[in-house]
Amino acid sequence: MKFWLHLFAIAILLATFQPVHALHTESADDTAAVFDLIASCSDRFPDAGMVTLFDRISTEYRETGAAATEEEVLMHFRDASESTEYRAIHYDYNPRTAKIEFLDARVYRAEGKVMEPIDMASVIIRKAPADSIFWNFDMVICPVPRLDDGDALYYRIKRQGLNLAYLHEVSESDFQFIPPQEGYFMDTLYFQEDHPIVEKTYDII
C-alpha cells in the first residue's frame, strides 16, 4: 500500500512537471546521435555555460522495498570554465546499507566530433570526508579528463539501497539492500539544479 501511495505521489509530480524532451537518444554508443542531440539543443538557454541535456533515472522495484536504480546523465559544457567542478564525478554512500557504482563514462569532443571512453579501471573508492556526524560513508570517484569548450560528458551509474544509518548493528546476512521497513519503497528525487535541464525523467519498473 505504501508503495502505491508513493507511486501516486510521483505520478502527480510528473503530471505537474512537464519536461521539454530533447531528441531521444537510445544509446550513448551512437556518437552521431549524441552530437545531433547537442546541435538540436544549441538554441535552448542561450546564456547558459552548461546544460544538462538529459538525466534519465530508471528504478526496478521489488516487493521487499529493495530497488536497483540506473541513472544516465549527459551534460554539455558550452563554456569549459563551467566544468571545473566536474574534474571528477563522485557519490557518497553508506557501504553497510547501499552501493553505488559507475557503469560507464564518456567524453564527446566538440573538436573532431569523436567519443573518448573513460576507463572504468580508473574509478576509485575512498572514505568520504566526515561531516558533523560521522557515518563512515564511502565515496566512489570517477576521474574526468580536461574538458574544452563545446565538449559533453556522459556517465551512467547504478545504485542500490538507502543512504541512511542504522542505529544498531546490521549483519550482511540481515541486510541485502532491504529498507528497515520491509516493503516500504523510498527514493530522493530532485527536479531542480543550479543549471538548466532539457530533459529529466524518472521511471519505476
N, C-alpha and C. Protein backbone atom coordinates (compact mmCIF):
# COMPACT_ATOMS: atom_id res chain seq x y z
N MET A 1 0.83 -1.20 0.00
CA MET A 1 0.00 0.00 0.00
C MET A 1 0.87 1.25 0.00
N LYS A 2 1.92 1.22 0.83
CA LYS A 2 2.81 2.38 0.89
C LYS A 2 3.46 2.65 -0.45
N PHE A 3 3.83 1.55 -1.14
CA PHE A 3 4.44 1.72 -2.46
C PHE A 3 3.51 2.46 -3.40
N TRP A 4 2.22 2.06 -3.42
CA TRP A 4 1.28 2.68 -4.34
C TRP A 4 1.02 4.14 -3.99
N LEU A 5 1.03 4.44 -2.71
CA LEU A 5 0.88 5.84 -2.31
C LEU A 5 2.05 6.67 -2.83
N HIS A 6 3.27 6.13 -2.70
CA HIS A 6 4.44 6.84 -3.21
C HIS A 6 4.39 6.94 -4.73
N LEU A 7 3.95 5.88 -5.40
CA LEU A 7 3.84 5.90 -6.85
C LEU A 7 2.83 6.94 -7.29
N PHE A 8 1.71 7.05 -6.56
CA PHE A 8 0.69 8.03 -6.87
C PHE A 8 1.25 9.45 -6.72
N ALA A 9 2.05 9.66 -5.66
CA ALA A 9 2.63 10.98 -5.43
C ALA A 9 3.59 11.34 -6.56
N ILE A 10 4.37 10.36 -7.01
CA ILE A 10 5.30 10.62 -8.10
C ILE A 10 4.53 10.91 -9.39
N ALA A 11 3.42 10.19 -9.60
CA ALA A 11 2.61 10.40 -10.80
C ALA A 11 2.07 11.83 -10.84
N ILE A 12 1.63 12.35 -9.66
CA ILE A 12 1.15 13.73 -9.59
C ILE A 12 2.28 14.70 -9.92
N LEU A 13 3.46 14.42 -9.38
CA LEU A 13 4.62 15.29 -9.63
C LEU A 13 4.95 15.31 -11.11
N LEU A 14 4.94 14.13 -11.75
CA LEU A 14 5.29 14.07 -13.16
C LEU A 14 4.22 14.73 -14.02
N ALA A 15 2.95 14.65 -13.58
CA ALA A 15 1.89 15.31 -14.32
C ALA A 15 2.00 16.82 -14.22
N THR A 16 2.48 17.29 -13.08
CA THR A 16 2.64 18.73 -12.86
C THR A 16 3.86 19.26 -13.60
N PHE A 17 4.94 18.47 -13.55
CA PHE A 17 6.19 18.89 -14.17
C PHE A 17 6.26 18.32 -15.58
N GLN A 18 6.16 19.16 -16.58
CA GLN A 18 6.18 18.71 -17.96
C GLN A 18 7.53 19.05 -18.59
N PRO A 19 8.45 18.09 -18.65
CA PRO A 19 9.77 18.37 -19.20
C PRO A 19 9.70 18.57 -20.71
N VAL A 20 10.61 19.37 -21.23
CA VAL A 20 10.74 19.54 -22.66
C VAL A 20 11.72 18.49 -23.15
N HIS A 21 11.23 17.49 -23.87
CA HIS A 21 12.07 16.36 -24.25
C HIS A 21 12.97 16.73 -25.41
N ALA A 22 14.22 16.36 -25.27
CA ALA A 22 15.17 16.56 -26.34
C ALA A 22 15.01 15.44 -27.36
N LEU A 23 15.69 15.56 -28.48
CA LEU A 23 15.74 14.48 -29.45
C LEU A 23 16.20 13.22 -28.72
N HIS A 24 15.37 12.17 -28.77
CA HIS A 24 15.67 10.99 -27.95
C HIS A 24 16.89 10.26 -28.49
N THR A 25 17.78 9.91 -27.60
CA THR A 25 18.96 9.14 -27.93
C THR A 25 18.87 7.82 -27.18
N GLU A 26 18.72 6.73 -27.91
CA GLU A 26 18.53 5.43 -27.28
C GLU A 26 19.80 4.95 -26.58
N SER A 27 20.95 5.24 -27.18
CA SER A 27 22.20 4.69 -26.65
C SER A 27 23.31 5.70 -26.79
N ALA A 28 24.15 5.77 -25.75
CA ALA A 28 25.33 6.64 -25.82
C ALA A 28 26.35 6.08 -26.79
N ASP A 29 26.15 4.84 -27.24
CA ASP A 29 27.06 4.26 -28.22
C ASP A 29 26.91 4.91 -29.59
N ASP A 30 25.76 5.52 -29.82
CA ASP A 30 25.50 6.18 -31.10
C ASP A 30 26.06 7.59 -31.04
N THR A 31 27.34 7.72 -31.36
CA THR A 31 28.03 9.00 -31.22
C THR A 31 27.39 10.08 -32.09
N ALA A 32 27.01 9.73 -33.31
CA ALA A 32 26.40 10.71 -34.21
C ALA A 32 25.10 11.24 -33.63
N ALA A 33 24.30 10.35 -33.00
CA ALA A 33 23.03 10.78 -32.41
C ALA A 33 23.26 11.72 -31.24
N VAL A 34 24.32 11.49 -30.47
CA VAL A 34 24.63 12.37 -29.35
C VAL A 34 24.97 13.78 -29.86
N PHE A 35 25.78 13.86 -30.90
CA PHE A 35 26.12 15.18 -31.45
C PHE A 35 24.90 15.83 -32.11
N ASP A 36 24.01 15.04 -32.69
CA ASP A 36 22.76 15.60 -33.22
C ASP A 36 21.92 16.18 -32.08
N LEU A 37 21.90 15.48 -30.94
CA LEU A 37 21.16 15.97 -29.78
C LEU A 37 21.74 17.29 -29.29
N ILE A 38 23.06 17.35 -29.21
CA ILE A 38 23.73 18.59 -28.78
C ILE A 38 23.36 19.74 -29.71
N ALA A 39 23.39 19.48 -31.03
CA ALA A 39 23.07 20.52 -32.01
C ALA A 39 21.62 20.96 -31.91
N SER A 40 20.71 19.99 -31.67
CA SER A 40 19.29 20.32 -31.61
C SER A 40 18.94 21.18 -30.41
N CYS A 41 19.79 21.15 -29.38
CA CYS A 41 19.53 21.93 -28.16
C CYS A 41 20.39 23.18 -28.08
N SER A 42 21.10 23.50 -29.14
CA SER A 42 22.05 24.62 -29.08
C SER A 42 21.38 25.97 -28.87
N ASP A 43 20.10 26.08 -29.27
CA ASP A 43 19.41 27.36 -29.10
C ASP A 43 18.63 27.44 -27.79
N ARG A 44 18.68 26.37 -27.01
CA ARG A 44 17.99 26.37 -25.72
C ARG A 44 18.90 27.01 -24.66
N PHE A 45 18.36 27.86 -23.82
CA PHE A 45 19.10 28.50 -22.73
C PHE A 45 20.40 29.12 -23.27
N PRO A 46 20.30 30.08 -24.18
CA PRO A 46 21.48 30.62 -24.85
C PRO A 46 22.51 31.26 -23.92
N ASP A 47 22.09 31.70 -22.75
CA ASP A 47 23.03 32.34 -21.82
C ASP A 47 23.72 31.37 -20.88
N ALA A 48 23.36 30.11 -20.94
CA ALA A 48 23.92 29.13 -20.02
C ALA A 48 25.25 28.59 -20.52
N GLY A 49 26.22 28.52 -19.63
CA GLY A 49 27.52 27.97 -19.99
C GLY A 49 27.56 26.46 -19.92
N MET A 50 26.55 25.88 -19.23
CA MET A 50 26.45 24.42 -19.09
C MET A 50 24.97 24.05 -19.08
N VAL A 51 24.64 22.97 -19.78
CA VAL A 51 23.25 22.50 -19.85
C VAL A 51 23.26 20.98 -19.71
N THR A 52 22.38 20.46 -18.85
CA THR A 52 22.18 19.02 -18.81
C THR A 52 21.16 18.67 -19.88
N LEU A 53 21.59 17.89 -20.87
CA LEU A 53 20.70 17.55 -21.98
C LEU A 53 19.70 16.48 -21.57
N PHE A 54 20.13 15.52 -20.77
CA PHE A 54 19.16 14.61 -20.18
C PHE A 54 19.72 14.02 -18.90
N ASP A 55 18.79 13.70 -18.01
CA ASP A 55 19.06 13.00 -16.76
C ASP A 55 17.94 11.98 -16.63
N ARG A 56 18.24 10.73 -16.95
CA ARG A 56 17.22 9.69 -17.03
C ARG A 56 17.45 8.66 -15.93
N ILE A 57 16.43 8.44 -15.13
CA ILE A 57 16.51 7.53 -13.99
C ILE A 57 15.49 6.41 -14.18
N SER A 58 15.94 5.18 -14.00
CA SER A 58 15.06 4.03 -14.10
C SER A 58 15.26 3.15 -12.87
N THR A 59 14.17 2.89 -12.14
CA THR A 59 14.24 2.10 -10.91
C THR A 59 13.43 0.82 -11.04
N GLU A 60 14.07 -0.29 -10.72
CA GLU A 60 13.38 -1.57 -10.66
C GLU A 60 13.03 -1.86 -9.21
N TYR A 61 11.74 -1.85 -8.92
CA TYR A 61 11.25 -2.02 -7.56
C TYR A 61 10.96 -3.49 -7.27
N ARG A 62 11.27 -3.92 -6.04
CA ARG A 62 10.96 -5.28 -5.61
C ARG A 62 10.00 -5.22 -4.42
N GLU A 63 9.25 -6.29 -4.21
CA GLU A 63 8.23 -6.31 -3.16
C GLU A 63 8.81 -6.08 -1.76
N THR A 64 10.07 -6.41 -1.56
CA THR A 64 10.69 -6.20 -0.26
C THR A 64 10.95 -4.73 0.04
N GLY A 65 10.84 -3.89 -1.00
CA GLY A 65 11.22 -2.49 -0.85
C GLY A 65 12.59 -2.21 -1.41
N ALA A 66 13.37 -3.27 -1.63
CA ALA A 66 14.69 -3.09 -2.25
C ALA A 66 14.49 -2.64 -3.69
N ALA A 67 15.42 -1.86 -4.18
CA ALA A 67 15.30 -1.35 -5.54
C ALA A 67 16.69 -1.19 -6.14
N ALA A 68 16.76 -1.38 -7.45
CA ALA A 68 18.00 -1.14 -8.19
C ALA A 68 17.73 -0.01 -9.17
N THR A 69 18.54 1.04 -9.09
CA THR A 69 18.32 2.23 -9.89
C THR A 69 19.51 2.49 -10.80
N GLU A 70 19.23 2.74 -12.07
CA GLU A 70 20.26 3.18 -13.00
C GLU A 70 19.94 4.60 -13.45
N GLU A 71 20.97 5.41 -13.50
CA GLU A 71 20.80 6.81 -13.91
C GLU A 71 21.86 7.14 -14.95
N GLU A 72 21.44 7.78 -16.03
CA GLU A 72 22.39 8.22 -17.05
C GLU A 72 22.21 9.71 -17.29
N VAL A 73 23.33 10.40 -17.39
CA VAL A 73 23.33 11.86 -17.48
C VAL A 73 24.23 12.29 -18.62
N LEU A 74 23.77 13.26 -19.39
CA LEU A 74 24.59 13.87 -20.46
C LEU A 74 24.61 15.37 -20.24
N MET A 75 25.79 15.92 -20.02
CA MET A 75 25.96 17.35 -19.77
C MET A 75 26.80 17.97 -20.87
N HIS A 76 26.36 19.12 -21.36
CA HIS A 76 27.07 19.84 -22.43
C HIS A 76 27.69 21.10 -21.85
N PHE A 77 29.01 21.23 -22.00
CA PHE A 77 29.74 22.38 -21.47
C PHE A 77 30.04 23.34 -22.62
N ARG A 78 29.17 24.32 -22.76
CA ARG A 78 29.38 25.32 -23.81
C ARG A 78 30.57 26.20 -23.47
N ASP A 79 30.77 26.42 -22.19
CA ASP A 79 31.91 27.18 -21.68
C ASP A 79 32.70 26.24 -20.76
N ALA A 80 33.94 25.97 -21.12
CA ALA A 80 34.75 24.99 -20.38
C ALA A 80 34.97 25.40 -18.93
N SER A 81 34.86 26.70 -18.62
CA SER A 81 35.06 27.15 -17.24
C SER A 81 33.99 26.58 -16.31
N GLU A 82 32.86 26.16 -16.88
CA GLU A 82 31.79 25.57 -16.07
C GLU A 82 32.12 24.14 -15.65
N SER A 83 33.18 23.57 -16.20
CA SER A 83 33.48 22.16 -15.94
C SER A 83 34.44 21.96 -14.78
N THR A 84 34.87 23.02 -14.12
CA THR A 84 35.88 22.88 -13.07
C THR A 84 35.43 21.97 -11.94
N GLU A 85 34.15 22.00 -11.60
CA GLU A 85 33.68 21.15 -10.50
C GLU A 85 33.39 19.72 -10.97
N TYR A 86 33.63 19.46 -12.24
CA TYR A 86 33.43 18.11 -12.78
C TYR A 86 34.76 17.49 -13.21
N ARG A 87 35.83 17.88 -12.55
CA ARG A 87 37.11 17.21 -12.81
C ARG A 87 37.06 15.77 -12.32
N ALA A 88 36.11 15.51 -11.44
CA ALA A 88 35.79 14.15 -11.02
C ALA A 88 34.32 14.13 -10.64
N ILE A 89 33.65 13.02 -10.94
CA ILE A 89 32.26 12.82 -10.53
C ILE A 89 32.30 11.90 -9.32
N HIS A 90 31.60 12.27 -8.26
CA HIS A 90 31.66 11.42 -7.07
C HIS A 90 30.29 11.33 -6.40
N TYR A 91 30.09 10.21 -5.74
CA TYR A 91 28.87 9.96 -4.97
C TYR A 91 29.26 9.37 -3.63
N ASP A 92 28.60 9.83 -2.57
CA ASP A 92 28.80 9.28 -1.23
C ASP A 92 27.72 8.24 -0.93
N TYR A 93 28.08 7.20 -0.20
CA TYR A 93 27.10 6.21 0.20
C TYR A 93 27.60 5.47 1.44
N ASN A 94 26.64 4.94 2.18
CA ASN A 94 26.96 4.13 3.35
C ASN A 94 27.16 2.68 2.89
N PRO A 95 28.37 2.15 2.93
CA PRO A 95 28.61 0.80 2.39
C PRO A 95 27.87 -0.30 3.13
N ARG A 96 27.36 -0.01 4.32
CA ARG A 96 26.61 -1.01 5.09
C ARG A 96 25.16 -1.10 4.64
N THR A 97 24.67 -0.06 3.97
CA THR A 97 23.26 -0.05 3.59
C THR A 97 23.03 0.27 2.12
N ALA A 98 24.09 0.52 1.37
CA ALA A 98 23.91 0.93 -0.02
C ALA A 98 25.16 0.61 -0.84
N LYS A 99 24.98 0.72 -2.14
CA LYS A 99 26.10 0.54 -3.06
C LYS A 99 25.86 1.42 -4.28
N ILE A 100 26.90 2.13 -4.71
CA ILE A 100 26.83 2.93 -5.93
C ILE A 100 28.06 2.59 -6.77
N GLU A 101 27.83 2.33 -8.04
CA GLU A 101 28.94 2.00 -8.93
C GLU A 101 28.78 2.69 -10.27
N PHE A 102 29.90 3.04 -10.89
CA PHE A 102 29.88 3.61 -12.23
C PHE A 102 29.87 2.48 -13.23
N LEU A 103 28.95 2.55 -14.19
CA LEU A 103 28.85 1.55 -15.24
C LEU A 103 29.50 2.02 -16.53
N ASP A 104 29.53 3.32 -16.74
CA ASP A 104 30.06 3.86 -18.00
C ASP A 104 30.31 5.35 -17.83
N ALA A 105 31.28 5.87 -18.57
CA ALA A 105 31.53 7.32 -18.61
C ALA A 105 32.26 7.63 -19.91
N ARG A 106 31.90 8.74 -20.54
CA ARG A 106 32.47 9.10 -21.83
C ARG A 106 32.55 10.61 -21.97
N VAL A 107 33.48 11.04 -22.79
CA VAL A 107 33.58 12.44 -23.18
C VAL A 107 33.36 12.52 -24.69
N TYR A 108 32.48 13.43 -25.09
CA TYR A 108 32.24 13.68 -26.51
C TYR A 108 32.93 14.99 -26.87
N ARG A 109 33.95 14.89 -27.69
CA ARG A 109 34.78 16.05 -28.03
C ARG A 109 34.15 16.84 -29.18
N ALA A 110 33.98 18.14 -28.94
CA ALA A 110 33.43 19.00 -29.98
C ALA A 110 34.38 19.07 -31.17
N GLU A 111 35.67 19.09 -30.87
CA GLU A 111 36.66 19.12 -31.94
C GLU A 111 36.84 17.71 -32.49
N GLY A 112 36.46 17.53 -33.72
CA GLY A 112 36.60 16.23 -34.35
C GLY A 112 35.36 15.37 -34.22
N LYS A 113 34.39 15.78 -33.39
CA LYS A 113 33.15 15.02 -33.20
C LYS A 113 33.44 13.55 -32.90
N VAL A 114 34.28 13.34 -31.89
CA VAL A 114 34.66 11.99 -31.52
C VAL A 114 34.28 11.71 -30.07
N MET A 115 34.19 10.42 -29.73
CA MET A 115 33.87 9.99 -28.38
C MET A 115 35.10 9.36 -27.75
N GLU A 116 35.40 9.76 -26.50
CA GLU A 116 36.51 9.18 -25.75
C GLU A 116 35.96 8.47 -24.52
N PRO A 117 36.10 7.16 -24.43
CA PRO A 117 35.62 6.46 -23.23
C PRO A 117 36.54 6.75 -22.04
N ILE A 118 35.96 6.78 -20.86
CA ILE A 118 36.73 6.91 -19.62
C ILE A 118 36.89 5.50 -19.05
N ASP A 119 38.12 5.11 -18.80
CA ASP A 119 38.41 3.77 -18.33
C ASP A 119 37.81 3.55 -16.94
N MET A 120 36.92 2.57 -16.82
CA MET A 120 36.30 2.29 -15.54
C MET A 120 37.31 1.76 -14.52
N ALA A 121 38.47 1.33 -14.98
CA ALA A 121 39.51 0.88 -14.05
C ALA A 121 40.08 2.06 -13.26
N SER A 122 39.84 3.29 -13.74
CA SER A 122 40.34 4.47 -13.03
C SER A 122 39.42 4.90 -11.89
N VAL A 123 38.24 4.30 -11.80
CA VAL A 123 37.30 4.63 -10.73
C VAL A 123 37.84 4.10 -9.40
N ILE A 124 37.80 4.94 -8.38
CA ILE A 124 38.33 4.55 -7.07
C ILE A 124 37.28 4.77 -5.99
N ILE A 125 37.48 4.12 -4.86
CA ILE A 125 36.60 4.29 -3.69
C ILE A 125 37.46 4.75 -2.53
N ARG A 126 37.05 5.83 -1.90
CA ARG A 126 37.75 6.39 -0.75
C ARG A 126 36.74 6.69 0.35
N LYS A 127 37.24 6.85 1.55
CA LYS A 127 36.37 7.26 2.65
C LYS A 127 35.97 8.72 2.45
N ALA A 128 34.67 8.97 2.56
CA ALA A 128 34.18 10.34 2.39
C ALA A 128 34.59 11.18 3.58
N PRO A 129 34.85 12.49 3.37
CA PRO A 129 35.18 13.37 4.50
C PRO A 129 34.07 13.37 5.53
N ALA A 130 34.45 13.34 6.79
CA ALA A 130 33.46 13.32 7.88
C ALA A 130 32.75 14.65 7.97
N ASP A 131 31.44 14.59 8.20
CA ASP A 131 30.65 15.79 8.41
C ASP A 131 30.44 15.96 9.91
N SER A 132 29.40 16.71 10.29
CA SER A 132 29.17 16.96 11.71
C SER A 132 28.87 15.66 12.46
N ILE A 133 28.22 14.71 11.75
CA ILE A 133 28.00 13.38 12.32
C ILE A 133 28.69 12.39 11.39
N PHE A 134 29.51 11.54 11.92
CA PHE A 134 30.32 10.64 11.09
C PHE A 134 29.62 9.30 10.94
N TRP A 135 29.19 8.98 9.72
CA TRP A 135 28.51 7.72 9.45
C TRP A 135 29.41 6.75 8.69
N ASN A 136 30.68 7.08 8.52
CA ASN A 136 31.62 6.18 7.87
C ASN A 136 31.23 5.90 6.43
N PHE A 137 30.84 6.94 5.71
CA PHE A 137 30.45 6.79 4.31
C PHE A 137 31.67 6.56 3.43
N ASP A 138 31.44 5.88 2.29
CA ASP A 138 32.43 5.76 1.24
C ASP A 138 32.11 6.77 0.14
N MET A 139 33.11 7.06 -0.67
CA MET A 139 32.92 7.94 -1.82
C MET A 139 33.48 7.23 -3.05
N VAL A 140 32.64 7.02 -4.05
CA VAL A 140 33.10 6.45 -5.31
C VAL A 140 33.39 7.60 -6.27
N ILE A 141 34.58 7.57 -6.86
CA ILE A 141 35.08 8.72 -7.63
C ILE A 141 35.47 8.27 -9.03
N CYS A 142 34.94 8.97 -10.03
CA CYS A 142 35.31 8.73 -11.43
C CYS A 142 36.05 9.94 -11.96
N PRO A 143 37.36 9.82 -12.23
CA PRO A 143 38.12 10.95 -12.76
C PRO A 143 37.61 11.34 -14.15
N VAL A 144 37.67 12.64 -14.46
CA VAL A 144 37.23 13.15 -15.75
C VAL A 144 38.38 13.92 -16.39
N PRO A 145 38.69 13.64 -17.65
CA PRO A 145 39.77 14.39 -18.31
C PRO A 145 39.38 15.85 -18.53
N ARG A 146 40.34 16.65 -18.89
CA ARG A 146 40.11 18.08 -19.15
C ARG A 146 39.05 18.24 -20.23
N LEU A 147 38.11 19.15 -19.98
CA LEU A 147 37.06 19.43 -20.94
C LEU A 147 37.27 20.79 -21.57
N ASP A 148 37.02 20.88 -22.86
CA ASP A 148 37.16 22.13 -23.60
C ASP A 148 35.79 22.67 -23.98
N ASP A 149 35.77 23.89 -24.49
CA ASP A 149 34.51 24.49 -24.92
C ASP A 149 33.78 23.57 -25.90
N GLY A 150 32.50 23.32 -25.61
CA GLY A 150 31.69 22.51 -26.52
C GLY A 150 31.70 21.02 -26.24
N ASP A 151 32.55 20.56 -25.34
CA ASP A 151 32.61 19.13 -25.02
C ASP A 151 31.39 18.73 -24.18
N ALA A 152 31.07 17.44 -24.23
CA ALA A 152 29.97 16.90 -23.44
C ALA A 152 30.47 15.73 -22.60
N LEU A 153 29.88 15.57 -21.43
CA LEU A 153 30.25 14.49 -20.51
C LEU A 153 29.03 13.61 -20.26
N TYR A 154 29.21 12.32 -20.45
CA TYR A 154 28.14 11.34 -20.21
C TYR A 154 28.62 10.35 -19.16
N TYR A 155 27.71 9.98 -18.25
CA TYR A 155 28.04 8.89 -17.33
C TYR A 155 26.77 8.15 -16.93
N ARG A 156 26.96 6.90 -16.50
CA ARG A 156 25.85 6.07 -16.07
C ARG A 156 26.24 5.36 -14.78
N ILE A 157 25.37 5.41 -13.80
CA ILE A 157 25.64 4.78 -12.51
C ILE A 157 24.52 3.81 -12.16
N LYS A 158 24.82 2.92 -11.23
CA LYS A 158 23.82 2.03 -10.65
C LYS A 158 23.89 2.18 -9.15
N ARG A 159 22.75 2.35 -8.52
CA ARG A 159 22.73 2.46 -7.06
C ARG A 159 21.68 1.53 -6.48
N GLN A 160 22.01 0.99 -5.33
CA GLN A 160 21.11 0.10 -4.60
C GLN A 160 21.13 0.49 -3.13
N GLY A 161 20.02 0.24 -2.45
CA GLY A 161 19.96 0.52 -1.03
C GLY A 161 19.60 1.95 -0.73
N LEU A 162 19.85 2.35 0.52
CA LEU A 162 19.47 3.68 1.01
C LEU A 162 20.65 4.33 1.70
N ASN A 163 20.80 5.62 1.50
CA ASN A 163 21.85 6.35 2.22
C ASN A 163 21.33 6.76 3.59
N LEU A 164 21.29 5.79 4.47
CA LEU A 164 20.84 6.04 5.83
C LEU A 164 21.79 5.32 6.77
N ALA A 165 21.63 5.58 8.03
CA ALA A 165 22.49 4.94 9.04
C ALA A 165 21.62 4.19 10.02
N TYR A 166 21.87 2.90 10.17
CA TYR A 166 21.18 2.14 11.21
C TYR A 166 21.79 2.48 12.56
N LEU A 167 20.96 2.53 13.56
CA LEU A 167 21.44 2.85 14.91
C LEU A 167 21.74 1.59 15.71
N HIS A 168 21.77 0.46 15.00
CA HIS A 168 22.15 -0.79 15.65
C HIS A 168 22.97 -1.60 14.65
N GLU A 169 23.61 -2.61 15.12
CA GLU A 169 24.45 -3.43 14.24
C GLU A 169 23.58 -4.23 13.26
N VAL A 170 23.99 -4.23 12.01
CA VAL A 170 23.28 -4.97 10.98
C VAL A 170 24.28 -5.87 10.27
N SER A 171 24.04 -7.16 10.31
CA SER A 171 24.95 -8.09 9.65
C SER A 171 24.66 -8.14 8.17
N GLU A 172 25.63 -8.63 7.40
CA GLU A 172 25.45 -8.73 5.95
C GLU A 172 24.30 -9.66 5.60
N SER A 173 24.11 -10.72 6.40
CA SER A 173 23.03 -11.65 6.12
C SER A 173 21.66 -11.04 6.39
N ASP A 174 21.61 -10.05 7.30
CA ASP A 174 20.34 -9.40 7.63
C ASP A 174 19.97 -8.35 6.59
N PHE A 175 20.99 -7.79 5.93
CA PHE A 175 20.73 -6.66 5.04
C PHE A 175 21.19 -6.96 3.63
N GLN A 176 20.26 -6.92 2.69
CA GLN A 176 20.59 -7.06 1.28
C GLN A 176 19.86 -5.97 0.52
N PHE A 177 20.17 -4.72 0.89
CA PHE A 177 19.56 -3.54 0.29
C PHE A 177 18.05 -3.48 0.54
N ILE A 178 17.61 -4.09 1.63
CA ILE A 178 16.21 -4.04 2.03
C ILE A 178 16.07 -2.94 3.09
N PRO A 179 15.13 -2.01 2.93
CA PRO A 179 14.99 -0.92 3.90
C PRO A 179 14.53 -1.42 5.26
N PRO A 180 14.69 -0.61 6.31
CA PRO A 180 14.28 -1.02 7.66
C PRO A 180 12.82 -1.43 7.74
N GLN A 181 11.94 -0.70 7.02
CA GLN A 181 10.54 -1.08 6.96
C GLN A 181 10.34 -1.87 5.68
N GLU A 182 10.39 -3.20 5.78
CA GLU A 182 10.35 -4.03 4.59
C GLU A 182 9.09 -3.77 3.77
N GLY A 183 9.27 -3.61 2.47
CA GLY A 183 8.15 -3.31 1.57
C GLY A 183 7.91 -1.83 1.39
N TYR A 184 8.65 -1.00 2.13
CA TYR A 184 8.46 0.46 2.06
C TYR A 184 9.49 1.03 1.11
N PHE A 185 9.06 1.45 -0.07
CA PHE A 185 9.97 2.00 -1.08
C PHE A 185 10.13 3.50 -0.89
N MET A 186 11.35 3.97 -0.97
CA MET A 186 11.60 5.40 -0.88
C MET A 186 12.80 5.76 -1.75
N ASP A 187 12.80 7.00 -2.22
CA ASP A 187 13.93 7.49 -3.00
C ASP A 187 13.92 9.01 -2.90
N THR A 188 15.07 9.60 -3.16
CA THR A 188 15.19 11.05 -3.16
C THR A 188 15.33 11.52 -4.60
N LEU A 189 14.49 12.42 -5.01
CA LEU A 189 14.44 12.84 -6.41
C LEU A 189 14.42 14.36 -6.49
N TYR A 190 15.36 14.91 -7.25
CA TYR A 190 15.45 16.36 -7.43
C TYR A 190 15.10 16.71 -8.87
N PHE A 191 14.19 17.66 -9.05
CA PHE A 191 13.87 18.14 -10.37
C PHE A 191 14.37 19.58 -10.56
N GLN A 192 15.36 19.94 -9.78
CA GLN A 192 15.90 21.29 -9.89
C GLN A 192 17.40 21.25 -9.66
N GLU A 193 18.14 21.99 -10.48
CA GLU A 193 19.59 22.10 -10.35
C GLU A 193 19.98 23.57 -10.47
N ASP A 194 21.27 23.83 -10.32
CA ASP A 194 21.72 25.22 -10.45
C ASP A 194 22.10 25.56 -11.88
N HIS A 195 21.73 24.70 -12.83
CA HIS A 195 21.92 24.97 -14.25
C HIS A 195 20.73 24.39 -15.00
N PRO A 196 20.48 24.83 -16.23
CA PRO A 196 19.28 24.36 -16.96
C PRO A 196 19.33 22.86 -17.28
N ILE A 197 18.14 22.25 -17.32
CA ILE A 197 17.98 20.84 -17.69
C ILE A 197 16.94 20.78 -18.82
N VAL A 198 17.30 20.12 -19.89
CA VAL A 198 16.37 19.98 -21.01
C VAL A 198 15.39 18.84 -20.75
N GLU A 199 15.90 17.70 -20.28
CA GLU A 199 15.03 16.55 -20.05
C GLU A 199 15.39 15.87 -18.73
N LYS A 200 14.36 15.61 -17.92
CA LYS A 200 14.56 14.87 -16.67
C LYS A 200 13.40 13.88 -16.56
N THR A 201 13.72 12.59 -16.44
CA THR A 201 12.69 11.58 -16.34
C THR A 201 13.01 10.60 -15.22
N TYR A 202 11.94 10.03 -14.66
CA TYR A 202 12.07 9.00 -13.61
C TYR A 202 11.04 7.92 -13.91
N ASP A 203 11.53 6.71 -14.17
CA ASP A 203 10.65 5.58 -14.45
C ASP A 203 10.77 4.54 -13.34
N ILE A 204 9.63 3.98 -12.92
CA ILE A 204 9.60 2.89 -11.97
C ILE A 204 9.10 1.65 -12.68
N ILE A 205 9.87 0.59 -12.61
CA ILE A 205 9.52 -0.65 -13.30
C ILE A 205 9.00 -1.65 -12.27
